[in-house]
Amino acid sequence: MGLLNQRKRVDLGDGEWVEVRPLSLEALRTMRQKVAGVESAPGEEKAEVQGFALTQMALESCIVAWSDEAPVTPDNIKQLPYEMTFTIAAEVGVGEKERPLSSGPSSTATSEE
């Protein structure tokens, strides 16, 4: 298997898996350029909308096989469970394995009050 044909199997638990190919620098650059033009709807944070778009593009680019009977298609990738996308995105280099904390305001109350 050459450098350009690498694949990695990502265990998603319960016997489920996806096979991904590494994201190339050029592919990441192209995705970031596309994401820069993504507009947010009223009430949405632009960075969050762009993050979702980048993650979706990366998953569509990198997932080459999976344990599901359904074919790997952009529409089927969009149906992946939300929590699984964090694990897969981290494996291809565009995210963290854990869901990020809410970006809302933190509590200033303490238990000592």
N, C-alpha and C. Protein backbone atom coordinates (compact mmCIF):
# COMPACT_ATOMS: atom_id res chain seq x y z
N MET A 1 0.85 -1.18 0.00
CA MET A 1 0.00 0.00 0.00
C MET A 1 0.90 1.24 0.00
N GLY A 2 0.81 2.07 -0.98
CA GLY A 2 1.64 3.25 -1.08
C GLY A 2 1.12 4.40 -0.25
N LEU A 3 1.88 5.43 -0.19
CA LEU A 3 1.50 6.62 0.57
C LEU A 3 0.17 7.19 0.13
N LEU A 4 -0.12 7.13 -1.15
CA LEU A 4 -1.34 7.73 -1.66
C LEU A 4 -2.56 6.83 -1.55
N ASN A 5 -2.37 5.61 -1.09
CA ASN A 5 -3.49 4.67 -0.99
C ASN A 5 -3.77 4.24 0.44
N GLN A 6 -3.30 5.00 1.41
CA GLN A 6 -3.50 4.62 2.81
C GLN A 6 -4.96 4.70 3.19
N ARG A 7 -5.34 3.77 4.05
CA ARG A 7 -6.69 3.75 4.62
C ARG A 7 -6.58 3.34 6.07
N LYS A 8 -7.52 3.80 6.86
CA LYS A 8 -7.52 3.49 8.28
C LYS A 8 -8.94 3.11 8.69
N ARG A 9 -9.07 2.05 9.48
CA ARG A 9 -10.38 1.66 9.97
C ARG A 9 -10.59 2.30 11.34
N VAL A 10 -11.72 2.96 11.49
CA VAL A 10 -12.07 3.65 12.73
C VAL A 10 -13.19 2.87 13.40
N ASP A 11 -12.92 2.37 14.60
CA ASP A 11 -13.90 1.61 15.38
C ASP A 11 -14.89 2.59 16.02
N LEU A 12 -16.17 2.39 15.75
CA LEU A 12 -17.21 3.25 16.30
C LEU A 12 -18.00 2.58 17.42
N GLY A 13 -17.57 1.39 17.81
CA GLY A 13 -18.26 0.65 18.87
C GLY A 13 -19.41 -0.18 18.34
N ASP A 14 -19.80 -1.16 19.13
CA ASP A 14 -20.93 -2.05 18.80
C ASP A 14 -20.77 -2.71 17.43
N GLY A 15 -19.52 -2.98 17.02
CA GLY A 15 -19.27 -3.64 15.76
C GLY A 15 -19.33 -2.72 14.55
N GLU A 16 -19.59 -1.45 14.77
CA GLU A 16 -19.67 -0.48 13.67
C GLU A 16 -18.29 0.12 13.40
N TRP A 17 -18.00 0.41 12.14
CA TRP A 17 -16.72 1.00 11.76
C TRP A 17 -16.88 1.79 10.47
N VAL A 18 -15.93 2.66 10.24
CA VAL A 18 -15.79 3.33 8.95
C VAL A 18 -14.34 3.20 8.53
N GLU A 19 -14.11 3.18 7.26
CA GLU A 19 -12.76 3.18 6.73
C GLU A 19 -12.55 4.54 6.08
N VAL A 20 -11.45 5.20 6.46
CA VAL A 20 -11.17 6.54 5.95
C VAL A 20 -9.80 6.59 5.31
N ARG A 21 -9.67 7.50 4.36
CA ARG A 21 -8.36 7.78 3.80
C ARG A 21 -7.92 9.12 4.40
N PRO A 22 -6.62 9.32 4.53
CA PRO A 22 -6.14 10.58 5.11
C PRO A 22 -6.54 11.78 4.25
N LEU A 23 -6.76 12.88 4.91
CA LEU A 23 -7.08 14.14 4.24
C LEU A 23 -5.78 14.77 3.76
N SER A 24 -5.71 15.12 2.51
CA SER A 24 -4.49 15.75 1.98
C SER A 24 -4.48 17.23 2.31
N LEU A 25 -3.31 17.80 2.30
CA LEU A 25 -3.16 19.23 2.55
C LEU A 25 -3.93 20.04 1.51
N GLU A 26 -3.84 19.65 0.26
CA GLU A 26 -4.55 20.36 -0.80
C GLU A 26 -6.06 20.27 -0.63
N ALA A 27 -6.54 19.09 -0.25
CA ALA A 27 -7.99 18.93 -0.04
C ALA A 27 -8.46 19.80 1.12
N LEU A 28 -7.68 19.83 2.20
CA LEU A 28 -8.04 20.66 3.36
C LEU A 28 -8.04 22.14 2.97
N ARG A 29 -7.05 22.57 2.22
CA ARG A 29 -6.98 23.96 1.78
C ARG A 29 -8.22 24.32 0.94
N THR A 30 -8.58 23.46 0.01
CA THR A 30 -9.74 23.70 -0.84
C THR A 30 -11.02 23.78 0.01
N MET A 31 -11.15 22.87 0.97
CA MET A 31 -12.34 22.88 1.83
C MET A 31 -12.41 24.17 2.64
N ARG A 32 -11.28 24.60 3.18
CA ARG A 32 -11.26 25.84 3.98
C ARG A 32 -11.65 27.04 3.13
N GLN A 33 -11.22 27.06 1.87
CA GLN A 33 -11.60 28.15 0.98
C GLN A 33 -13.11 28.15 0.73
N LYS A 34 -13.69 26.97 0.52
CA LYS A 34 -15.13 26.87 0.30
C LYS A 34 -15.91 27.29 1.54
N VAL A 35 -15.43 26.86 2.70
CA VAL A 35 -16.10 27.15 3.96
C VAL A 35 -16.06 28.64 4.28
N ALA A 36 -15.02 29.33 3.84
CA ALA A 36 -14.91 30.76 4.12
C ALA A 36 -16.10 31.54 3.56
N GLY A 37 -16.72 31.02 2.52
CA GLY A 37 -17.86 31.70 1.91
C GLY A 37 -19.21 31.28 2.46
N VAL A 38 -19.23 30.35 3.40
CA VAL A 38 -20.49 29.90 3.97
C VAL A 38 -21.08 30.99 4.85
N GLU A 39 -22.32 31.30 4.63
CA GLU A 39 -23.00 32.34 5.41
C GLU A 39 -23.87 31.69 6.49
N SER A 40 -23.96 32.36 7.60
CA SER A 40 -24.79 31.86 8.69
C SER A 40 -26.17 32.51 8.62
N ALA A 41 -27.15 31.80 9.11
CA ALA A 41 -28.51 32.33 9.18
C ALA A 41 -28.62 33.21 10.43
N PRO A 42 -29.61 34.06 10.49
CA PRO A 42 -29.80 34.88 11.69
C PRO A 42 -29.86 33.99 12.94
N GLY A 43 -29.09 34.37 13.94
CA GLY A 43 -29.07 33.61 15.19
C GLY A 43 -28.01 32.52 15.24
N GLU A 44 -27.35 32.24 14.13
CA GLU A 44 -26.29 31.24 14.10
C GLU A 44 -24.93 31.93 14.16
N GLU A 45 -23.99 31.27 14.81
CA GLU A 45 -22.62 31.79 14.83
C GLU A 45 -21.91 31.32 13.57
N LYS A 46 -21.26 32.24 12.88
CA LYS A 46 -20.60 31.92 11.63
C LYS A 46 -19.55 30.83 11.81
N ALA A 47 -18.76 30.91 12.88
CA ALA A 47 -17.71 29.91 13.11
C ALA A 47 -18.30 28.51 13.27
N GLU A 48 -19.44 28.42 13.95
CA GLU A 48 -20.08 27.11 14.14
C GLU A 48 -20.61 26.56 12.82
N VAL A 49 -21.24 27.41 12.03
CA VAL A 49 -21.77 26.99 10.73
C VAL A 49 -20.63 26.54 9.82
N GLN A 50 -19.53 27.29 9.83
CA GLN A 50 -18.38 26.92 9.03
C GLN A 50 -17.77 25.60 9.52
N GLY A 51 -17.76 25.39 10.83
CA GLY A 51 -17.25 24.14 11.38
C GLY A 51 -18.07 22.94 10.93
N PHE A 52 -19.39 23.09 10.95
CA PHE A 52 -20.25 22.01 10.47
C PHE A 52 -19.99 21.74 8.99
N ALA A 53 -19.87 22.79 8.19
CA ALA A 53 -19.64 22.62 6.76
C ALA A 53 -18.30 21.95 6.49
N LEU A 54 -17.26 22.37 7.20
CA LEU A 54 -15.94 21.76 7.02
C LEU A 54 -15.97 20.28 7.41
N THR A 55 -16.62 19.98 8.51
CA THR A 55 -16.72 18.58 8.94
C THR A 55 -17.44 17.74 7.91
N GLN A 56 -18.56 18.24 7.39
CA GLN A 56 -19.32 17.48 6.39
C GLN A 56 -18.48 17.24 5.13
N MET A 57 -17.79 18.28 4.67
CA MET A 57 -16.95 18.12 3.47
C MET A 57 -15.85 17.10 3.71
N ALA A 58 -15.24 17.15 4.88
CA ALA A 58 -14.15 16.21 5.20
C ALA A 58 -14.67 14.78 5.26
N LEU A 59 -15.82 14.57 5.88
CA LEU A 59 -16.37 13.22 5.96
C LEU A 59 -16.69 12.70 4.56
N GLU A 60 -17.26 13.54 3.72
CA GLU A 60 -17.59 13.12 2.36
C GLU A 60 -16.32 12.81 1.55
N SER A 61 -15.26 13.51 1.82
CA SER A 61 -14.01 13.30 1.10
C SER A 61 -13.25 12.07 1.59
N CYS A 62 -13.35 11.77 2.88
CA CYS A 62 -12.48 10.76 3.47
C CYS A 62 -13.10 9.39 3.69
N ILE A 63 -14.41 9.31 3.92
CA ILE A 63 -15.02 8.00 4.19
C ILE A 63 -15.09 7.22 2.88
N VAL A 64 -14.47 6.03 2.88
CA VAL A 64 -14.46 5.22 1.67
C VAL A 64 -15.23 3.91 1.82
N ALA A 65 -15.49 3.50 3.06
CA ALA A 65 -16.25 2.26 3.30
C ALA A 65 -16.78 2.31 4.73
N TRP A 66 -17.79 1.46 4.99
CA TRP A 66 -18.30 1.35 6.36
C TRP A 66 -19.03 0.05 6.55
N SER A 67 -19.37 -0.22 7.80
CA SER A 67 -20.00 -1.50 8.14
C SER A 67 -21.48 -1.54 7.80
N ASP A 68 -22.07 -0.44 7.45
CA ASP A 68 -23.49 -0.39 7.13
C ASP A 68 -23.73 -1.00 5.75
N GLU A 69 -24.94 -1.51 5.55
CA GLU A 69 -25.31 -2.09 4.25
C GLU A 69 -25.48 -1.01 3.18
N ALA A 70 -25.88 0.19 3.60
CA ALA A 70 -26.13 1.28 2.65
C ALA A 70 -24.81 1.72 2.02
N PRO A 71 -24.87 2.17 0.77
CA PRO A 71 -23.65 2.63 0.11
C PRO A 71 -23.14 3.93 0.74
N VAL A 72 -21.86 4.16 0.62
CA VAL A 72 -21.26 5.41 1.10
C VAL A 72 -21.56 6.49 0.06
N THR A 73 -22.47 7.38 0.40
CA THR A 73 -22.85 8.49 -0.47
C THR A 73 -22.93 9.75 0.38
N PRO A 74 -22.84 10.93 -0.23
CA PRO A 74 -22.99 12.15 0.55
C PRO A 74 -24.30 12.19 1.35
N ASP A 75 -25.40 11.75 0.76
CA ASP A 75 -26.68 11.76 1.48
C ASP A 75 -26.65 10.83 2.68
N ASN A 76 -26.04 9.64 2.53
CA ASN A 76 -25.97 8.72 3.65
C ASN A 76 -24.99 9.20 4.72
N ILE A 77 -23.92 9.85 4.31
CA ILE A 77 -22.98 10.41 5.28
C ILE A 77 -23.68 11.47 6.13
N LYS A 78 -24.56 12.25 5.53
CA LYS A 78 -25.32 13.26 6.28
C LYS A 78 -26.23 12.64 7.33
N GLN A 79 -26.54 11.35 7.19
CA GLN A 79 -27.41 10.68 8.14
C GLN A 79 -26.66 10.02 9.29
N LEU A 80 -25.34 10.10 9.29
CA LEU A 80 -24.57 9.51 10.39
C LEU A 80 -24.98 10.15 11.72
N PRO A 81 -25.03 9.36 12.77
CA PRO A 81 -25.36 9.93 14.07
C PRO A 81 -24.38 11.04 14.46
N TYR A 82 -24.91 12.10 14.99
CA TYR A 82 -24.16 13.29 15.35
C TYR A 82 -22.92 12.96 16.17
N GLU A 83 -23.06 12.17 17.21
CA GLU A 83 -21.93 11.84 18.09
C GLU A 83 -20.81 11.12 17.34
N MET A 84 -21.14 10.27 16.40
CA MET A 84 -20.12 9.53 15.64
C MET A 84 -19.27 10.46 14.79
N THR A 85 -19.86 11.55 14.33
CA THR A 85 -19.11 12.44 13.45
C THR A 85 -17.89 13.03 14.14
N PHE A 86 -17.95 13.21 15.47
CA PHE A 86 -16.79 13.74 16.19
C PHE A 86 -15.62 12.77 16.14
N THR A 87 -15.90 11.50 16.34
CA THR A 87 -14.85 10.48 16.30
C THR A 87 -14.23 10.40 14.92
N ILE A 88 -15.06 10.36 13.90
CA ILE A 88 -14.56 10.24 12.53
C ILE A 88 -13.79 11.49 12.13
N ALA A 89 -14.34 12.66 12.41
CA ALA A 89 -13.67 13.91 12.05
C ALA A 89 -12.30 14.02 12.71
N ALA A 90 -12.19 13.59 13.96
CA ALA A 90 -10.90 13.64 14.64
C ALA A 90 -9.90 12.71 13.96
N GLU A 91 -10.35 11.57 13.52
CA GLU A 91 -9.46 10.61 12.86
C GLU A 91 -8.93 11.11 11.51
N VAL A 92 -9.70 11.98 10.86
CA VAL A 92 -9.22 12.53 9.58
C VAL A 92 -8.56 13.89 9.75
N GLY A 93 -8.53 14.38 10.99
CA GLY A 93 -7.77 15.59 11.29
C GLY A 93 -8.50 16.90 11.26
N VAL A 94 -9.81 16.89 11.38
CA VAL A 94 -10.55 18.15 11.36
C VAL A 94 -11.39 18.39 12.61
N GLY A 95 -11.11 17.69 13.66
CA GLY A 95 -11.90 17.89 14.87
C GLY A 95 -11.31 17.18 16.06
N GLU A 96 -12.08 17.22 17.14
CA GLU A 96 -11.70 16.55 18.38
C GLU A 96 -12.66 15.40 18.62
N LYS A 97 -12.18 14.35 19.29
CA LYS A 97 -13.01 13.16 19.49
C LYS A 97 -14.21 13.41 20.40
N GLU A 98 -14.10 14.39 21.27
CA GLU A 98 -15.20 14.70 22.17
C GLU A 98 -15.99 15.88 21.63
N ARG A 99 -17.27 15.89 21.94
CA ARG A 99 -18.11 17.01 21.53
C ARG A 99 -17.63 18.26 22.26
N PRO A 100 -17.48 19.37 21.54
CA PRO A 100 -17.05 20.60 22.21
C PRO A 100 -18.09 21.07 23.22
N LEU A 101 -17.62 21.77 24.24
CA LEU A 101 -18.54 22.32 25.23
C LEU A 101 -19.35 23.42 24.59
N SER A 102 -20.50 23.67 25.16
CA SER A 102 -21.36 24.74 24.67
C SER A 102 -20.61 26.06 24.70
N SER A 103 -20.85 26.91 23.73
CA SER A 103 -20.18 28.20 23.68
C SER A 103 -20.95 29.27 24.44
N GLY A 104 -22.01 28.86 25.14
CA GLY A 104 -22.81 29.82 25.90
C GLY A 104 -22.06 30.34 27.11
N PRO A 105 -22.65 31.30 27.80
CA PRO A 105 -21.97 31.89 28.96
C PRO A 105 -21.82 30.87 30.07
N SER A 106 -20.70 30.95 30.78
CA SER A 106 -20.47 30.04 31.88
C SER A 106 -21.13 30.59 33.13
N SER A 107 -21.44 29.72 34.04
CA SER A 107 -22.07 30.11 35.27
C SER A 107 -21.06 30.78 36.19
N THR A 108 -21.50 31.85 36.87
CA THR A 108 -20.61 32.52 37.83
C THR A 108 -20.97 32.13 39.25
N ALA A 109 -22.01 31.33 39.42
CA ALA A 109 -22.42 30.90 40.76
C ALA A 109 -21.46 29.86 41.27
N THR A 110 -21.25 29.86 42.57
CA THR A 110 -20.39 28.84 43.20
C THR A 110 -21.19 28.12 44.26
N SER A 111 -20.71 26.97 44.67
CA SER A 111 -21.40 26.18 45.68
C SER A 111 -21.14 26.73 47.06
N GLU A 112 -20.25 27.73 47.19
CA GLU A 112 -19.91 28.28 48.49
C GLU A 112 -20.84 29.43 48.88
N GLU A 113 -21.77 29.82 48.02
CA GLU A 113 -22.65 30.96 48.32
C GLU A 113 -23.71 30.58 49.31
